[in-house]
């Protein structure tokens, strides 16, 4: 598959077959993370591939209350969701069947190896993720190339202490996301629905000189 096709068809997978993912394929997918950029090449990422059923169920039980609270906000009009209403139904199914996904990949990072440069600004710091999430995207793309479905979620970061206790994550390591990995029930989309390039890419000045695709 060409890279453009992989990117344009790699939708979030909410429905998984119970078929296991081999260690060989998982290693190939995770190996792609090594080539993601990180500040000073400090490579802060650590992965825990959770296969144990009891631990997967424990993670689901931590996830569900957070999801249900978010869902209440969506239904009350407090939380915004892009796209179709079906996204919420699919995400609700995903949450309630999370422990049935073959692999729950918990993404961690050593904070000493992350250097956010925006902590002094009067807003939410986001720069630290630059050393984490590009490598995670590599994992998503490598999984798609292998025919695996994935979903990236950060909800479990809300209960980081409990996740760290469950998985034996050291004090100096933080959680950054969870990626579910497995063989998809449904076919991959032909093309993802996204805004046109001209709506978010500009030349020399914000919201002026739109770049057309």
N, C-alpha and C. Protein backbone atom coordinates (compact mmCIF):
# COMPACT_ATOMS: atom_id res chain seq x y z
N UNK A 1 0.83 -1.20 0.00
CA UNK A 1 0.00 0.00 0.00
C UNK A 1 0.87 1.26 0.00
N UNK A 2 0.43 2.29 -0.71
CA UNK A 2 1.14 3.55 -0.68
C UNK A 2 0.76 4.33 0.58
N UNK A 3 1.68 5.18 1.03
CA UNK A 3 1.46 5.93 2.26
C UNK A 3 0.19 6.76 2.21
N UNK A 4 -0.08 7.41 1.08
CA UNK A 4 -1.29 8.24 0.96
C UNK A 4 -2.55 7.42 1.17
N UNK A 5 -2.58 6.22 0.63
CA UNK A 5 -3.75 5.37 0.79
C UNK A 5 -3.91 4.95 2.24
N UNK A 6 -2.80 4.64 2.90
CA UNK A 6 -2.84 4.25 4.31
C UNK A 6 -3.41 5.38 5.16
N UNK A 7 -2.93 6.60 4.94
CA UNK A 7 -3.39 7.74 5.73
C UNK A 7 -4.86 8.04 5.48
N UNK A 8 -5.28 7.95 4.24
CA UNK A 8 -6.64 8.35 3.87
C UNK A 8 -7.70 7.31 4.22
N UNK A 9 -7.27 6.11 4.58
CA UNK A 9 -8.25 5.03 4.87
C UNK A 9 -8.10 4.47 6.28
N UNK A 10 -7.30 5.13 7.11
CA UNK A 10 -7.04 4.59 8.45
C UNK A 10 -8.00 5.19 9.47
N UNK A 11 -9.26 4.80 9.37
CA UNK A 11 -10.26 5.30 10.30
C UNK A 11 -10.17 4.63 11.66
N UNK A 12 -10.78 5.25 12.66
CA UNK A 12 -10.82 4.66 14.00
C UNK A 12 -11.67 3.41 13.99
N UNK A 13 -11.11 2.34 14.49
CA UNK A 13 -11.80 1.03 14.51
C UNK A 13 -12.47 0.84 15.87
N UNK A 14 -13.77 0.61 15.87
CA UNK A 14 -14.52 0.38 17.11
C UNK A 14 -14.99 -1.06 17.27
N UNK A 15 -14.92 -1.84 16.19
CA UNK A 15 -15.43 -3.21 16.22
C UNK A 15 -14.31 -4.17 15.80
N UNK A 16 -14.01 -5.13 16.67
CA UNK A 16 -12.87 -6.03 16.45
C UNK A 16 -13.28 -7.49 16.48
N UNK A 17 -12.59 -8.27 15.67
CA UNK A 17 -12.72 -9.72 15.75
C UNK A 17 -11.96 -10.22 16.98
N UNK A 18 -12.33 -11.38 17.50
CA UNK A 18 -11.61 -11.92 18.66
C UNK A 18 -10.28 -12.57 18.30
N UNK A 19 -9.98 -12.68 17.01
CA UNK A 19 -8.76 -13.35 16.56
C UNK A 19 -7.52 -12.69 17.17
N UNK A 20 -6.58 -13.47 17.65
CA UNK A 20 -5.38 -12.90 18.27
C UNK A 20 -4.45 -12.25 17.24
N UNK A 21 -3.65 -11.33 17.73
CA UNK A 21 -2.60 -10.70 16.94
C UNK A 21 -1.28 -11.32 17.36
N UNK A 22 -0.52 -11.86 16.43
CA UNK A 22 0.71 -12.57 16.77
C UNK A 22 1.77 -11.62 17.32
N UNK A 23 2.69 -12.18 18.09
CA UNK A 23 3.81 -11.40 18.61
C UNK A 23 4.64 -10.82 17.47
N UNK A 24 4.78 -11.58 16.39
CA UNK A 24 5.58 -11.14 15.26
C UNK A 24 4.99 -9.89 14.62
N UNK A 25 3.67 -9.90 14.40
CA UNK A 25 3.01 -8.75 13.78
C UNK A 25 3.02 -7.56 14.73
N UNK A 26 2.78 -7.81 16.02
CA UNK A 26 2.80 -6.72 16.99
C UNK A 26 4.18 -6.05 17.03
N UNK A 27 5.22 -6.86 17.01
CA UNK A 27 6.58 -6.31 17.04
C UNK A 27 6.84 -5.44 15.80
N UNK A 28 6.34 -5.88 14.65
CA UNK A 28 6.52 -5.11 13.42
C UNK A 28 5.82 -3.76 13.54
N UNK A 29 4.61 -3.76 14.09
CA UNK A 29 3.84 -2.53 14.25
C UNK A 29 4.53 -1.58 15.22
N UNK A 30 4.97 -2.10 16.36
CA UNK A 30 5.58 -1.24 17.37
C UNK A 30 6.96 -0.75 16.95
N UNK A 31 7.64 -1.53 16.12
CA UNK A 31 8.96 -1.12 15.66
C UNK A 31 8.90 0.20 14.89
N UNK A 32 7.74 0.47 14.27
CA UNK A 32 7.60 1.73 13.52
C UNK A 32 7.70 2.94 14.42
N UNK A 33 7.39 2.78 15.70
CA UNK A 33 7.45 3.91 16.64
C UNK A 33 8.87 4.41 16.81
N UNK A 34 9.85 3.54 16.62
CA UNK A 34 11.24 3.94 16.86
C UNK A 34 11.69 5.07 15.95
N UNK A 35 11.00 5.23 14.82
CA UNK A 35 11.43 6.21 13.83
C UNK A 35 10.67 7.53 13.96
N UNK A 36 9.85 7.65 14.95
CA UNK A 36 9.18 8.92 15.19
C UNK A 36 10.14 9.93 15.81
N UNK A 37 9.96 11.23 15.52
CA UNK A 37 10.87 12.25 16.06
C UNK A 37 10.64 12.48 17.55
N UNK A 38 11.70 12.88 18.23
CA UNK A 38 11.59 13.30 19.64
C UNK A 38 12.68 14.32 19.91
N UNK A 39 12.38 15.26 20.80
CA UNK A 39 13.32 16.32 21.11
C UNK A 39 14.65 15.77 21.60
N UNK A 40 15.75 16.18 20.97
CA UNK A 40 17.07 15.70 21.38
C UNK A 40 17.26 14.22 21.17
N UNK A 41 16.38 13.59 20.39
CA UNK A 41 16.41 12.14 20.16
C UNK A 41 16.44 11.37 21.49
N UNK A 42 15.69 11.87 22.48
CA UNK A 42 15.69 11.24 23.80
C UNK A 42 14.71 10.08 23.90
N UNK A 43 13.83 9.95 22.93
CA UNK A 43 12.97 8.77 22.79
C UNK A 43 12.28 8.41 24.11
N UNK A 44 11.32 9.22 24.55
CA UNK A 44 10.70 9.01 25.86
C UNK A 44 9.67 7.90 25.91
N UNK A 45 9.25 7.38 24.76
CA UNK A 45 8.12 6.45 24.74
C UNK A 45 8.43 5.09 25.36
N UNK A 46 7.41 4.55 26.03
CA UNK A 46 7.40 3.17 26.51
C UNK A 46 6.02 2.61 26.20
N UNK A 47 5.94 1.34 25.80
CA UNK A 47 4.67 0.70 25.48
C UNK A 47 4.43 -0.50 26.39
N UNK A 48 3.17 -0.69 26.77
CA UNK A 48 2.77 -1.92 27.46
C UNK A 48 1.62 -2.52 26.66
N UNK A 49 1.86 -3.66 26.06
CA UNK A 49 0.82 -4.36 25.29
C UNK A 49 0.06 -5.26 26.25
N UNK A 50 -1.13 -4.88 26.58
CA UNK A 50 -1.93 -5.63 27.56
C UNK A 50 -2.74 -6.69 26.83
N UNK A 51 -2.43 -7.94 27.13
CA UNK A 51 -3.15 -9.07 26.56
C UNK A 51 -3.92 -9.85 27.63
N UNK A 52 -3.46 -9.77 28.86
CA UNK A 52 -4.07 -10.52 29.96
C UNK A 52 -5.54 -10.10 30.14
N UNK A 53 -6.44 -11.08 30.17
CA UNK A 53 -7.87 -10.77 30.20
C UNK A 53 -8.28 -10.03 31.46
N UNK A 54 -7.74 -10.39 32.59
CA UNK A 54 -8.11 -9.71 33.84
C UNK A 54 -7.68 -8.24 33.81
N UNK A 55 -6.51 -7.99 33.28
CA UNK A 55 -6.04 -6.61 33.21
C UNK A 55 -6.82 -5.81 32.17
N UNK A 56 -7.18 -6.45 31.06
CA UNK A 56 -7.99 -5.75 30.07
C UNK A 56 -9.36 -5.37 30.64
N UNK A 57 -9.93 -6.29 31.41
CA UNK A 57 -11.22 -6.00 32.04
C UNK A 57 -11.07 -4.89 33.07
N UNK A 58 -9.97 -4.90 33.81
CA UNK A 58 -9.73 -3.85 34.80
C UNK A 58 -9.60 -2.48 34.12
N UNK A 59 -8.92 -2.43 32.98
CA UNK A 59 -8.79 -1.18 32.25
C UNK A 59 -10.15 -0.72 31.71
N UNK A 60 -10.95 -1.66 31.24
CA UNK A 60 -12.29 -1.32 30.79
C UNK A 60 -13.11 -0.72 31.93
N UNK A 61 -13.00 -1.32 33.11
CA UNK A 61 -13.76 -0.83 34.26
C UNK A 61 -13.30 0.56 34.70
N UNK A 62 -12.05 0.90 34.45
CA UNK A 62 -11.57 2.26 34.71
C UNK A 62 -12.05 3.23 33.62
N UNK A 63 -12.13 2.73 32.41
CA UNK A 63 -12.49 3.55 31.25
C UNK A 63 -13.97 3.94 31.24
N UNK A 64 -14.82 2.97 31.58
CA UNK A 64 -16.26 3.16 31.42
C UNK A 64 -16.84 4.36 32.17
N UNK A 65 -16.51 4.56 33.45
CA UNK A 65 -17.09 5.73 34.14
C UNK A 65 -16.71 7.05 33.49
N UNK A 66 -15.48 7.14 32.98
CA UNK A 66 -15.04 8.37 32.32
C UNK A 66 -15.82 8.55 31.02
N UNK A 67 -15.95 7.47 30.26
CA UNK A 67 -16.71 7.53 29.01
C UNK A 67 -18.17 7.90 29.28
N UNK A 68 -18.79 7.27 30.27
CA UNK A 68 -20.20 7.53 30.56
C UNK A 68 -20.42 8.98 30.96
N UNK A 69 -19.47 9.55 31.70
CA UNK A 69 -19.56 10.96 32.07
C UNK A 69 -19.46 11.85 30.83
N UNK A 70 -18.53 11.51 29.94
CA UNK A 70 -18.39 12.26 28.68
C UNK A 70 -19.67 12.14 27.84
N UNK A 71 -20.23 10.93 27.79
CA UNK A 71 -21.44 10.69 27.01
C UNK A 71 -22.60 11.52 27.53
N UNK A 72 -22.71 11.65 28.83
CA UNK A 72 -23.75 12.49 29.42
C UNK A 72 -23.59 13.93 28.95
N UNK A 73 -22.33 14.39 28.89
CA UNK A 73 -22.08 15.75 28.41
C UNK A 73 -22.47 15.92 26.95
N UNK A 74 -22.22 14.89 26.14
CA UNK A 74 -22.61 14.95 24.73
C UNK A 74 -24.12 15.05 24.60
N UNK A 75 -24.82 14.21 25.35
CA UNK A 75 -26.29 14.20 25.29
C UNK A 75 -26.89 15.49 25.81
N UNK A 76 -26.17 16.16 26.72
CA UNK A 76 -26.66 17.43 27.26
C UNK A 76 -26.22 18.62 26.43
N UNK A 77 -25.44 18.35 25.37
CA UNK A 77 -24.97 19.43 24.51
C UNK A 77 -23.77 20.17 25.04
N UNK A 78 -23.10 19.62 26.06
CA UNK A 78 -21.94 20.28 26.65
C UNK A 78 -20.63 19.88 25.96
N UNK A 79 -20.57 18.67 25.45
CA UNK A 79 -19.37 18.19 24.76
C UNK A 79 -19.64 18.12 23.26
N UNK A 80 -18.73 18.68 22.48
CA UNK A 80 -18.89 18.72 21.03
C UNK A 80 -18.31 17.46 20.39
N UNK A 81 -18.97 17.00 19.35
CA UNK A 81 -18.50 15.85 18.57
C UNK A 81 -18.61 16.21 17.11
N UNK A 82 -17.54 15.97 16.35
CA UNK A 82 -17.59 16.24 14.92
C UNK A 82 -18.18 15.05 14.17
N UNK A 83 -18.76 15.33 13.02
CA UNK A 83 -19.21 14.24 12.16
C UNK A 83 -20.58 13.69 12.53
N UNK A 84 -20.81 12.44 12.18
CA UNK A 84 -22.12 11.82 12.28
C UNK A 84 -22.46 11.39 13.71
N UNK A 85 -23.76 11.33 14.02
CA UNK A 85 -24.20 10.87 15.34
C UNK A 85 -23.80 9.41 15.57
N UNK A 86 -23.65 8.65 14.49
CA UNK A 86 -23.28 7.25 14.60
C UNK A 86 -21.93 7.08 15.30
N UNK A 87 -21.08 8.11 15.23
CA UNK A 87 -19.78 8.04 15.89
C UNK A 87 -19.96 7.77 17.38
N UNK A 88 -20.95 8.43 17.99
CA UNK A 88 -21.19 8.26 19.42
C UNK A 88 -21.68 6.84 19.72
N UNK A 89 -22.59 6.34 18.91
CA UNK A 89 -23.08 4.96 19.11
C UNK A 89 -21.94 3.96 19.00
N UNK A 90 -21.08 4.15 18.00
CA UNK A 90 -19.95 3.24 17.82
C UNK A 90 -18.98 3.33 18.98
N UNK A 91 -18.74 4.56 19.45
CA UNK A 91 -17.82 4.75 20.56
C UNK A 91 -18.38 4.16 21.85
N UNK A 92 -19.69 4.20 22.00
CA UNK A 92 -20.32 3.61 23.19
C UNK A 92 -20.18 2.09 23.16
N UNK A 93 -20.39 1.51 21.99
CA UNK A 93 -20.17 0.06 21.85
C UNK A 93 -18.73 -0.29 22.18
N UNK A 94 -17.81 0.49 21.64
CA UNK A 94 -16.37 0.29 21.88
C UNK A 94 -16.06 0.29 23.37
N UNK A 95 -16.59 1.27 24.09
CA UNK A 95 -16.32 1.38 25.53
C UNK A 95 -16.84 0.18 26.30
N UNK A 96 -18.01 -0.28 25.92
CA UNK A 96 -18.63 -1.38 26.65
C UNK A 96 -18.07 -2.75 26.27
N UNK A 97 -17.30 -2.81 25.21
CA UNK A 97 -16.68 -4.06 24.77
C UNK A 97 -15.15 -3.94 24.71
N UNK A 98 -14.62 -2.99 25.44
CA UNK A 98 -13.20 -2.70 25.37
C UNK A 98 -12.33 -3.90 25.73
N UNK A 99 -12.80 -4.70 26.67
CA UNK A 99 -12.00 -5.85 27.12
C UNK A 99 -11.99 -6.99 26.13
N UNK A 100 -12.77 -6.87 25.04
CA UNK A 100 -12.80 -7.91 24.02
C UNK A 100 -11.78 -7.65 22.91
N UNK A 101 -11.18 -6.48 22.90
CA UNK A 101 -10.16 -6.16 21.90
C UNK A 101 -8.89 -6.96 22.20
N UNK A 102 -8.27 -7.58 21.22
CA UNK A 102 -7.10 -8.43 21.48
C UNK A 102 -5.97 -7.74 22.24
N UNK A 103 -5.66 -6.50 21.89
CA UNK A 103 -4.53 -5.82 22.54
C UNK A 103 -4.95 -4.40 22.93
N UNK A 104 -4.71 -4.07 24.19
CA UNK A 104 -4.83 -2.69 24.66
C UNK A 104 -3.39 -2.19 24.86
N UNK A 105 -2.96 -1.31 24.01
CA UNK A 105 -1.59 -0.81 24.06
C UNK A 105 -1.56 0.49 24.88
N UNK A 106 -0.98 0.44 26.07
CA UNK A 106 -0.89 1.61 26.92
C UNK A 106 0.41 2.34 26.57
N UNK A 107 0.26 3.60 26.16
CA UNK A 107 1.39 4.42 25.75
C UNK A 107 1.87 5.24 26.94
N UNK A 108 3.16 5.15 27.24
CA UNK A 108 3.75 5.86 28.38
C UNK A 108 4.92 6.71 27.91
N UNK A 109 5.33 7.64 28.76
CA UNK A 109 6.47 8.49 28.42
C UNK A 109 7.22 8.88 29.69
N UNK A 110 8.54 8.85 29.60
CA UNK A 110 9.39 9.36 30.69
C UNK A 110 9.40 10.88 30.61
N UNK A 111 8.85 11.52 31.65
CA UNK A 111 8.73 12.98 31.61
C UNK A 111 10.08 13.68 31.61
N UNK A 112 11.11 13.06 32.20
CA UNK A 112 12.44 13.67 32.18
C UNK A 112 13.00 13.78 30.78
N UNK A 113 12.45 12.99 29.85
CA UNK A 113 12.93 13.01 28.47
C UNK A 113 12.04 13.83 27.55
N UNK A 114 11.11 14.58 28.14
CA UNK A 114 10.22 15.45 27.37
C UNK A 114 10.52 16.89 27.76
N UNK A 115 10.66 17.76 26.76
CA UNK A 115 11.01 19.16 27.05
C UNK A 115 9.99 20.11 26.44
N UNK A 116 8.87 20.36 27.14
CA UNK A 116 7.88 21.31 26.62
C UNK A 116 8.39 22.74 26.74
N UNK A 117 8.30 23.49 25.66
CA UNK A 117 8.81 24.86 25.65
C UNK A 117 7.72 25.91 25.86
N UNK A 118 6.50 25.46 26.13
CA UNK A 118 5.38 26.41 26.22
C UNK A 118 4.75 26.49 27.60
N UNK A 119 5.44 26.01 28.62
CA UNK A 119 4.84 25.94 29.96
C UNK A 119 4.66 27.32 30.59
N UNK A 120 5.37 28.34 30.11
CA UNK A 120 5.25 29.68 30.68
C UNK A 120 4.10 30.49 30.06
N UNK A 121 3.51 29.97 29.02
CA UNK A 121 2.40 30.68 28.38
C UNK A 121 1.12 30.49 29.17
N UNK A 122 0.23 31.45 29.06
CA UNK A 122 -1.02 31.41 29.82
C UNK A 122 -2.07 30.60 29.06
N UNK A 123 -1.76 29.34 28.87
CA UNK A 123 -2.68 28.42 28.19
C UNK A 123 -2.23 26.99 28.48
N UNK A 124 -3.03 26.05 28.02
CA UNK A 124 -2.69 24.64 28.17
C UNK A 124 -1.40 24.32 27.42
N UNK A 125 -0.48 23.63 28.08
CA UNK A 125 0.76 23.22 27.42
C UNK A 125 0.48 22.04 26.48
N UNK A 126 0.97 22.14 25.24
CA UNK A 126 0.77 21.06 24.27
C UNK A 126 2.06 20.57 23.63
N UNK A 127 3.14 21.31 23.82
CA UNK A 127 4.37 21.03 23.08
C UNK A 127 5.00 19.69 23.47
N UNK A 128 4.86 19.27 24.71
CA UNK A 128 5.47 18.01 25.14
C UNK A 128 5.02 16.82 24.31
N UNK A 129 3.81 16.90 23.76
CA UNK A 129 3.30 15.81 22.94
C UNK A 129 4.04 15.61 21.64
N UNK A 130 4.85 16.61 21.25
CA UNK A 130 5.60 16.51 19.99
C UNK A 130 6.62 15.39 20.03
N UNK A 131 7.04 14.99 21.22
CA UNK A 131 8.00 13.89 21.35
C UNK A 131 7.31 12.54 21.59
N UNK A 132 5.98 12.55 21.56
CA UNK A 132 5.22 11.34 21.88
C UNK A 132 4.32 10.91 20.73
N UNK A 133 3.43 11.80 20.32
CA UNK A 133 2.36 11.39 19.41
C UNK A 133 2.77 11.15 17.96
N UNK A 134 3.82 11.78 17.43
CA UNK A 134 4.25 11.37 16.09
C UNK A 134 4.64 9.89 16.02
N UNK A 135 5.28 9.39 17.08
CA UNK A 135 5.64 7.97 17.11
C UNK A 135 4.40 7.10 17.23
N UNK A 136 3.41 7.58 17.97
CA UNK A 136 2.15 6.84 18.08
C UNK A 136 1.45 6.77 16.72
N UNK A 137 1.50 7.88 15.98
CA UNK A 137 0.93 7.87 14.63
C UNK A 137 1.64 6.85 13.74
N UNK A 138 2.92 6.71 13.90
CA UNK A 138 3.64 5.68 13.14
C UNK A 138 3.07 4.29 13.43
N UNK A 139 2.74 4.05 14.69
CA UNK A 139 2.13 2.77 15.08
C UNK A 139 0.79 2.58 14.38
N UNK A 140 -0.03 3.62 14.36
CA UNK A 140 -1.33 3.53 13.70
C UNK A 140 -1.18 3.22 12.21
N UNK A 141 -0.23 3.87 11.57
CA UNK A 141 -0.03 3.66 10.14
C UNK A 141 0.54 2.28 9.85
N UNK A 142 1.47 1.83 10.68
CA UNK A 142 2.05 0.49 10.49
C UNK A 142 0.99 -0.59 10.70
N UNK A 143 0.11 -0.37 11.67
CA UNK A 143 -0.97 -1.32 11.91
C UNK A 143 -1.89 -1.40 10.69
N UNK A 144 -2.22 -0.25 10.13
CA UNK A 144 -3.09 -0.22 8.94
C UNK A 144 -2.44 -0.97 7.78
N UNK A 145 -1.14 -0.80 7.61
CA UNK A 145 -0.44 -1.50 6.54
C UNK A 145 -0.55 -3.02 6.71
N UNK A 146 -0.61 -3.47 7.96
CA UNK A 146 -0.72 -4.90 8.25
C UNK A 146 -2.17 -5.39 8.22
N UNK A 147 -3.12 -4.48 7.99
CA UNK A 147 -4.53 -4.86 7.98
C UNK A 147 -5.18 -4.82 9.34
N UNK A 148 -4.51 -4.24 10.32
CA UNK A 148 -5.05 -4.15 11.68
C UNK A 148 -5.81 -2.85 11.88
N UNK A 149 -6.88 -2.92 12.66
CA UNK A 149 -7.62 -1.74 13.05
C UNK A 149 -7.09 -1.19 14.36
N UNK A 150 -7.21 0.11 14.54
CA UNK A 150 -6.74 0.76 15.77
C UNK A 150 -7.70 1.85 16.20
N UNK A 151 -7.65 2.19 17.47
CA UNK A 151 -8.35 3.35 18.00
C UNK A 151 -7.44 4.00 19.03
N UNK A 152 -7.28 5.30 18.94
CA UNK A 152 -6.45 6.06 19.87
C UNK A 152 -7.35 6.80 20.84
N UNK A 153 -7.13 6.61 22.13
CA UNK A 153 -7.92 7.30 23.15
C UNK A 153 -7.02 7.76 24.29
N UNK A 154 -7.38 8.89 24.89
CA UNK A 154 -6.61 9.41 26.03
C UNK A 154 -7.45 9.44 27.31
N UNK A 155 -8.63 8.85 27.29
CA UNK A 155 -9.52 8.95 28.46
C UNK A 155 -8.90 8.33 29.71
N UNK A 156 -8.13 7.27 29.56
CA UNK A 156 -7.57 6.60 30.74
C UNK A 156 -6.53 7.46 31.46
N UNK A 157 -6.05 8.51 30.82
CA UNK A 157 -5.10 9.39 31.48
C UNK A 157 -5.75 10.09 32.68
N UNK A 158 -7.07 10.17 32.68
CA UNK A 158 -7.79 10.77 33.80
C UNK A 158 -7.54 9.98 35.09
N UNK A 159 -7.40 8.68 34.95
CA UNK A 159 -7.19 7.82 36.13
C UNK A 159 -5.78 7.23 36.09
N UNK A 160 -4.82 8.05 35.76
CA UNK A 160 -3.43 7.59 35.65
C UNK A 160 -2.93 6.84 36.88
N UNK A 161 -3.17 7.30 38.09
CA UNK A 161 -2.65 6.56 39.26
C UNK A 161 -3.12 5.11 39.31
N UNK A 162 -4.39 4.89 38.98
CA UNK A 162 -4.92 3.52 38.99
C UNK A 162 -4.32 2.68 37.87
N UNK A 163 -4.15 3.28 36.70
CA UNK A 163 -3.53 2.55 35.58
C UNK A 163 -2.09 2.20 35.91
N UNK A 164 -1.36 3.13 36.51
CA UNK A 164 0.03 2.88 36.86
C UNK A 164 0.14 1.77 37.91
N UNK A 165 -0.77 1.77 38.86
CA UNK A 165 -0.76 0.71 39.88
C UNK A 165 -1.06 -0.64 39.27
N UNK A 166 -2.01 -0.69 38.35
CA UNK A 166 -2.40 -1.95 37.71
C UNK A 166 -1.27 -2.55 36.89
N UNK A 167 -0.52 -1.69 36.19
CA UNK A 167 0.48 -2.16 35.23
C UNK A 167 1.92 -2.01 35.72
N UNK A 168 2.10 -1.57 36.95
CA UNK A 168 3.45 -1.46 37.51
C UNK A 168 4.29 -0.39 36.84
N UNK A 169 3.66 0.72 36.45
CA UNK A 169 4.38 1.80 35.78
C UNK A 169 5.11 2.64 36.82
N UNK A 170 6.40 2.90 36.63
CA UNK A 170 7.19 3.63 37.63
C UNK A 170 6.71 5.06 37.84
N UNK A 171 7.13 5.65 38.94
CA UNK A 171 6.72 7.00 39.31
C UNK A 171 7.14 8.04 38.28
N UNK A 172 8.32 7.86 37.67
CA UNK A 172 8.84 8.86 36.74
C UNK A 172 8.34 8.67 35.31
N UNK A 173 7.37 7.80 35.14
CA UNK A 173 6.79 7.54 33.82
C UNK A 173 5.30 7.87 33.88
N UNK A 174 4.82 8.59 32.86
CA UNK A 174 3.40 8.97 32.82
C UNK A 174 2.70 8.29 31.65
N UNK A 175 1.38 8.20 31.76
CA UNK A 175 0.59 7.65 30.66
C UNK A 175 0.27 8.76 29.67
N UNK A 176 0.18 8.41 28.39
CA UNK A 176 -0.09 9.40 27.34
C UNK A 176 -1.29 9.04 26.48
N UNK A 177 -1.62 7.76 26.40
CA UNK A 177 -2.74 7.33 25.56
C UNK A 177 -2.91 5.82 25.69
N UNK A 178 -3.97 5.34 25.09
CA UNK A 178 -4.13 3.90 24.88
C UNK A 178 -4.54 3.69 23.43
N UNK A 179 -3.95 2.70 22.79
CA UNK A 179 -4.30 2.34 21.42
C UNK A 179 -4.80 0.91 21.42
N UNK A 180 -6.01 0.70 20.97
CA UNK A 180 -6.52 -0.66 20.82
C UNK A 180 -6.07 -1.20 19.46
N UNK A 181 -5.72 -2.47 19.44
CA UNK A 181 -5.20 -3.09 18.21
C UNK A 181 -5.85 -4.45 18.01
N UNK A 182 -6.35 -4.68 16.81
CA UNK A 182 -6.94 -5.98 16.49
C UNK A 182 -7.41 -6.02 15.05
N UNK A 183 -7.91 -7.18 14.66
CA UNK A 183 -8.42 -7.34 13.29
C UNK A 183 -9.83 -6.78 13.20
N UNK A 184 -10.08 -5.87 12.28
CA UNK A 184 -11.39 -5.20 12.22
C UNK A 184 -12.50 -6.10 11.71
N UNK A 185 -13.69 -5.91 12.26
CA UNK A 185 -14.87 -6.62 11.78
C UNK A 185 -15.30 -6.08 10.42
N UNK A 186 -15.28 -4.77 10.29
CA UNK A 186 -15.75 -4.11 9.07
C UNK A 186 -14.58 -3.73 8.15
N UNK A 187 -14.88 -3.52 6.89
CA UNK A 187 -13.86 -3.09 5.94
C UNK A 187 -13.38 -1.69 6.28
N UNK A 188 -12.15 -1.39 5.93
CA UNK A 188 -11.64 -0.04 6.13
C UNK A 188 -12.41 0.93 5.23
N UNK A 189 -12.57 2.18 5.66
CA UNK A 189 -13.27 3.14 4.80
C UNK A 189 -12.49 3.40 3.52
N UNK A 190 -13.23 3.74 2.47
CA UNK A 190 -12.59 4.07 1.20
C UNK A 190 -11.81 5.38 1.30
N UNK A 191 -12.37 6.30 2.07
CA UNK A 191 -11.71 7.59 2.27
C UNK A 191 -12.32 8.25 3.51
N UNK A 192 -11.48 8.81 4.36
CA UNK A 192 -11.95 9.48 5.56
C UNK A 192 -12.60 10.82 5.22
N UNK A 193 -13.51 11.24 6.07
CA UNK A 193 -14.15 12.54 5.90
C UNK A 193 -13.37 13.60 6.67
N UNK A 194 -12.81 14.55 5.95
CA UNK A 194 -12.01 15.59 6.57
C UNK A 194 -12.30 16.94 5.92
N UNK A 195 -11.99 18.01 6.61
CA UNK A 195 -12.16 19.35 6.06
C UNK A 195 -11.23 19.55 4.86
N UNK A 196 -11.63 20.38 3.90
CA UNK A 196 -10.74 20.70 2.78
C UNK A 196 -9.48 21.41 3.26
N UNK A 197 -8.40 21.22 2.56
CA UNK A 197 -7.12 21.84 2.92
C UNK A 197 -7.24 23.35 3.06
N UNK A 198 -7.99 23.97 2.19
CA UNK A 198 -8.08 25.44 2.17
C UNK A 198 -8.68 26.02 3.45
N UNK A 199 -9.36 25.19 4.24
CA UNK A 199 -9.97 25.69 5.47
C UNK A 199 -8.99 25.80 6.62
N UNK A 200 -7.80 25.16 6.49
CA UNK A 200 -6.89 25.21 7.63
C UNK A 200 -5.42 25.43 7.27
N UNK A 201 -5.13 25.67 6.01
CA UNK A 201 -3.75 25.92 5.60
C UNK A 201 -3.67 27.26 4.88
N UNK A 202 -2.76 28.12 5.37
CA UNK A 202 -2.69 29.49 4.87
C UNK A 202 -1.25 29.87 4.52
N UNK A 203 -1.10 31.00 3.82
CA UNK A 203 0.22 31.51 3.43
C UNK A 203 0.48 32.86 4.10
N UNK A 204 1.51 32.93 4.91
CA UNK A 204 2.03 34.17 5.48
C UNK A 204 1.17 34.82 6.56
N UNK A 205 -0.13 34.51 6.63
CA UNK A 205 -0.99 35.16 7.62
C UNK A 205 -2.15 34.25 7.94
N UNK A 206 -2.52 34.20 9.23
CA UNK A 206 -3.62 33.31 9.64
C UNK A 206 -4.91 33.67 8.91
N UNK A 207 -5.54 32.65 8.35
CA UNK A 207 -6.84 32.78 7.70
C UNK A 207 -6.80 33.64 6.43
N UNK A 208 -5.62 33.78 5.83
CA UNK A 208 -5.49 34.48 4.56
C UNK A 208 -4.59 33.66 3.63
N UNK A 209 -4.81 33.80 2.33
CA UNK A 209 -4.00 33.09 1.35
C UNK A 209 -4.14 31.59 1.48
N UNK A 210 -5.39 31.10 1.43
CA UNK A 210 -5.65 29.67 1.59
C UNK A 210 -4.89 28.83 0.57
N UNK A 211 -4.37 27.72 1.04
CA UNK A 211 -3.66 26.79 0.16
C UNK A 211 -4.64 25.75 -0.33
N UNK A 212 -4.80 25.65 -1.63
CA UNK A 212 -5.75 24.72 -2.23
C UNK A 212 -5.08 23.39 -2.57
N UNK A 213 -5.80 22.31 -2.39
CA UNK A 213 -5.26 21.00 -2.76
C UNK A 213 -5.62 20.68 -4.20
